[in-house]
Structure formats: C-alpha cells, structure tokens
C-alpha atoms as a PDB file:
ATOM      1  CA  MET A   1      44.895  16.423  44.139  1.00  0.00           C
ATOM      2  CA  THR A   2      42.303  18.511  42.665  1.00  0.00           C
ATOM      3  CA  ARG A   3      39.919  18.018  45.707  1.00  0.00           C
ATOM      4  CA  LEU A   4      42.848  18.897  47.925  1.00  0.00           C
ATOM      5  CA  ARG A   5      43.685  22.193  45.949  1.00  0.00           C
ATOM      6  CA  LEU A   6      39.929  22.980  45.999  1.00  0.00           C
ATOM      7  CA  LEU A   7      39.732  22.513  49.863  1.00  0.00           C
ATOM      8  CA  LEU A   8      42.769  24.757  50.318  1.00  0.00           C
ATOM      9  CA  VAL A   9      41.359  27.451  48.088  1.00  0.00           C
ATOM     10  CA  LEU A  10      37.969  27.301  49.961  1.00  0.00           C
ATOM     11  CA  VAL A  11      39.803  27.429  53.264  1.00  0.00           C
ATOM     12  CA  CYS A  12      41.798  30.226  52.299  1.00  0.00           C
ATOM     13  CA  LEU A  13      38.916  32.128  51.078  1.00  0.00           C
ATOM     14  CA  ALA A  14      36.952  31.578  54.361  1.00  0.00           C
ATOM     15  CA  LEU A  15      39.922  32.776  56.492  1.00  0.00           C
ATOM     16  CA  ALA A  16      40.167  35.986  54.295  1.00  0.00           C
ATOM     17  CA  LEU A  17      36.542  36.781  54.296  1.00  0.00           C
ATOM     18  CA  GLY A  18      35.733  35.746  57.794  1.00  0.00           C
ATOM     19  CA  VAL A  19      38.557  35.803  60.228  1.00  0.00           C
ATOM     20  CA  THR A  20      40.729  38.523  59.123  1.00  0.00           C
ATOM     21  CA  PRO A  21      38.332  41.264  58.687  1.00  0.00           C
ATOM     22  CA  ALA A  22      36.810  40.479  62.225  1.00  0.00           C
ATOM     23  CA  ARG A  23      40.146  40.714  63.737  1.00  0.00           C
ATOM     24  CA  ALA A  24      41.332  43.878  61.805  1.00  0.00           C
ATOM     25  CA  GLN A  25      38.268  45.639  63.029  1.00  0.00           C
ATOM     26  CA  GLY A  26      38.608  44.814  66.560  1.00  0.00           C
ATOM     27  CA  ALA A  27      35.944  45.055  69.196  1.00  0.00           C
ATOM     28  CA  PRO A  28      34.810  48.644  70.112  1.00  0.00           C
ATOM     29  CA  SER A  29      35.387  49.784  73.731  1.00  0.00           C
ATOM     30  CA  GLY A  30      32.518  51.640  75.402  1.00  0.00           C
ATOM     31  CA  ASP A  31      30.222  53.902  74.056  1.00  0.00           C
ATOM     32  CA  ALA A  32      32.612  56.091  72.392  1.00  0.00           C
ATOM     33  CA  PRO A  33      32.085  56.976  68.724  1.00  0.00           C
ATOM     34  CA  ALA A  34      34.232  55.143  66.148  1.00  0.00           C
ATOM     35  CA  VAL A  35      34.820  58.065  64.151  1.00  0.00           C
ATOM     36  CA  VAL A  36      35.247  61.827  65.536  1.00  0.00           C
ATOM     37  CA  VAL A  37      34.612  64.400  62.754  1.00  0.00           C
ATOM     38  CA  ASP A  38      36.029  67.842  63.282  1.00  0.00           C
ATOM     39  CA  GLU A  39      34.275  70.853  61.571  1.00  0.00           C
ATOM     40  CA  GLY A  40      37.686  71.978  60.111  1.00  0.00           C
ATOM     41  CA  ALA A  41      38.170  75.484  58.547  1.00  0.00           C
ATOM     42  CA  PRO A  42      34.966  77.186  56.801  1.00  0.00           C
ATOM     43  CA  VAL A  43      34.202  76.540  53.358  1.00  0.00           C
ATOM     44  CA  PRO A  44      35.045  79.702  51.129  1.00  0.00           C
ATOM     45  CA  THR A  45      32.015  81.279  49.472  1.00  0.00           C
ATOM     46  CA  GLU A  46      33.714  82.753  46.491  1.00  0.00           C
ATOM     47  CA  ASP A  47      34.651  80.438  43.538  1.00  0.00           C
ATOM     48  CA  ALA A  48      37.905  79.690  42.554  1.00  0.00           C
ATOM     49  CA  TRP A  49      39.900  81.719  39.902  1.00  0.00           C
ATOM     50  CA  THR A  50      40.057  78.449  37.686  1.00  0.00           C
ATOM     51  CA  PHE A  51      36.264  78.110  37.812  1.00  0.00           C
ATOM     52  CA  ARG A  52      35.556  81.831  37.100  1.00  0.00           C
ATOM     53  CA  PHE A  53      38.179  82.320  34.380  1.00  0.00           C
ATOM     54  CA  LEU A  54      39.620  79.049  33.074  1.00  0.00           C
ATOM     55  CA  VAL A  55      36.262  77.048  32.414  1.00  0.00           C
ATOM     56  CA  PRO A  56      34.618  79.725  30.494  1.00  0.00           C
ATOM     57  CA  THR A  57      37.620  80.184  28.475  1.00  0.00           C
ATOM     58  CA  VAL A  58      38.048  76.653  27.671  1.00  0.00           C
ATOM     59  CA  LEU A  59      34.376  76.191  26.866  1.00  0.00           C
ATOM     60  CA  GLY A  60      34.356  79.421  24.426  1.00  0.00           C
ATOM     61  CA  LEU A  61      37.477  78.305  22.847  1.00  0.00           C
ATOM     62  CA  SER A  62      36.091  74.590  22.059  1.00  0.00           C
ATOM     63  CA  GLY A  63      33.056  76.102  20.681  1.00  0.00           C
ATOM     64  CA  LEU A  64      35.141  78.325  18.313  1.00  0.00           C
ATOM     65  CA  ILE A  65      37.217  75.297  17.405  1.00  0.00           C
ATOM     66  CA  VAL A  66      33.837  73.148  16.397  1.00  0.00           C
ATOM     67  CA  VAL A  67      32.591  76.167  14.537  1.00  0.00           C
ATOM     68  CA  ALA A  68      35.827  76.484  12.670  1.00  0.00           C
ATOM     69  CA  THR A  69      35.795  72.611  12.005  1.00  0.00           C
ATOM     70  CA  VAL A  70      32.401  72.629  10.509  1.00  0.00           C
ATOM     71  CA  VAL A  71      33.081  75.940   8.306  1.00  0.00           C
ATOM     72  CA  GLY A  72      36.546  74.202   7.168  1.00  0.00           C
ATOM     73  CA  TYR A  73      34.883  71.056   6.239  1.00  0.00           C
ATOM     74  CA  GLY A  74      32.162  72.859   4.307  1.00  0.00           C
ATOM     75  CA  ARG A  75      34.914  74.699   2.298  1.00  0.00           C
ATOM     76  CA  ARG A  76      37.428  72.005   1.782  1.00  0.00           C
ATOM     77  CA  VAL A  77      35.651  68.769   1.581  1.00  0.00           C
ATOM     78  CA  ARG A  78      31.938  69.481   0.580  1.00  0.00           C
ATOM     79  CA  GLY A  79      33.276  72.119  -1.992  1.00  0.00           C
ATOM     80  CA  ARG A  80      35.652  69.451  -3.659  1.00  0.00           C
ATOM     81  CA  TYR A  81      33.086  66.863  -4.449  1.00  0.00           C
ATOM     82  CA  ARG A  82      30.132  67.522  -6.666  1.00  0.00           C
ATOM     83  CA  VAL A  83      27.141  65.203  -7.224  1.00  0.00           C
ATOM     84  CA  VAL A  84      26.613  64.629 -10.678  1.00  0.00           C
ATOM     85  CA  ARG A  85      23.040  64.423 -11.935  1.00  0.00           C
END
C-alpha cells in the first residue's frame, strides 16, 4: 500500500511539473513577440508631496522621540538608582 501511495505521489508530481506547464504555455505562433510593452504615460519628474513633506516630518519626529526617550531615561531611571561605594 505504501508503494502504491508513493507511485501515485510521484505520478502526480511528474504531471504537475512536466505536462501541465507545457500545456498552459501553449506553442508560440510565428515570430510575434510574446509580450508587447507599451510606453505608457511619462513619469513625472517632481517628487510626490508625501515624499517631500511627510517623510522628513516622520524622520524628524522619530529623532525627537529618541532624544526625549534618552533624556527621560537619564532623569527618571538613572537618577533614581545610585551606586554605593
């Protein structure tokens, strides 16, 4: 029974890897390209407002938060405990 299951798994694997992708792709007809790429709309040269305003604001606020955390740690935690010599 184990051999039959192994044979069934191997046959299904061979079908999935070999036959199915070959049929799904199909045969190319003639010398036509497989994919035609359209140029589309030109890319705007100006940065978006989110990149110009939102990113620097978030970076600045995160820097201020890090500085405030370090100062708060220095005043509350380090100031509370003293090393006895």
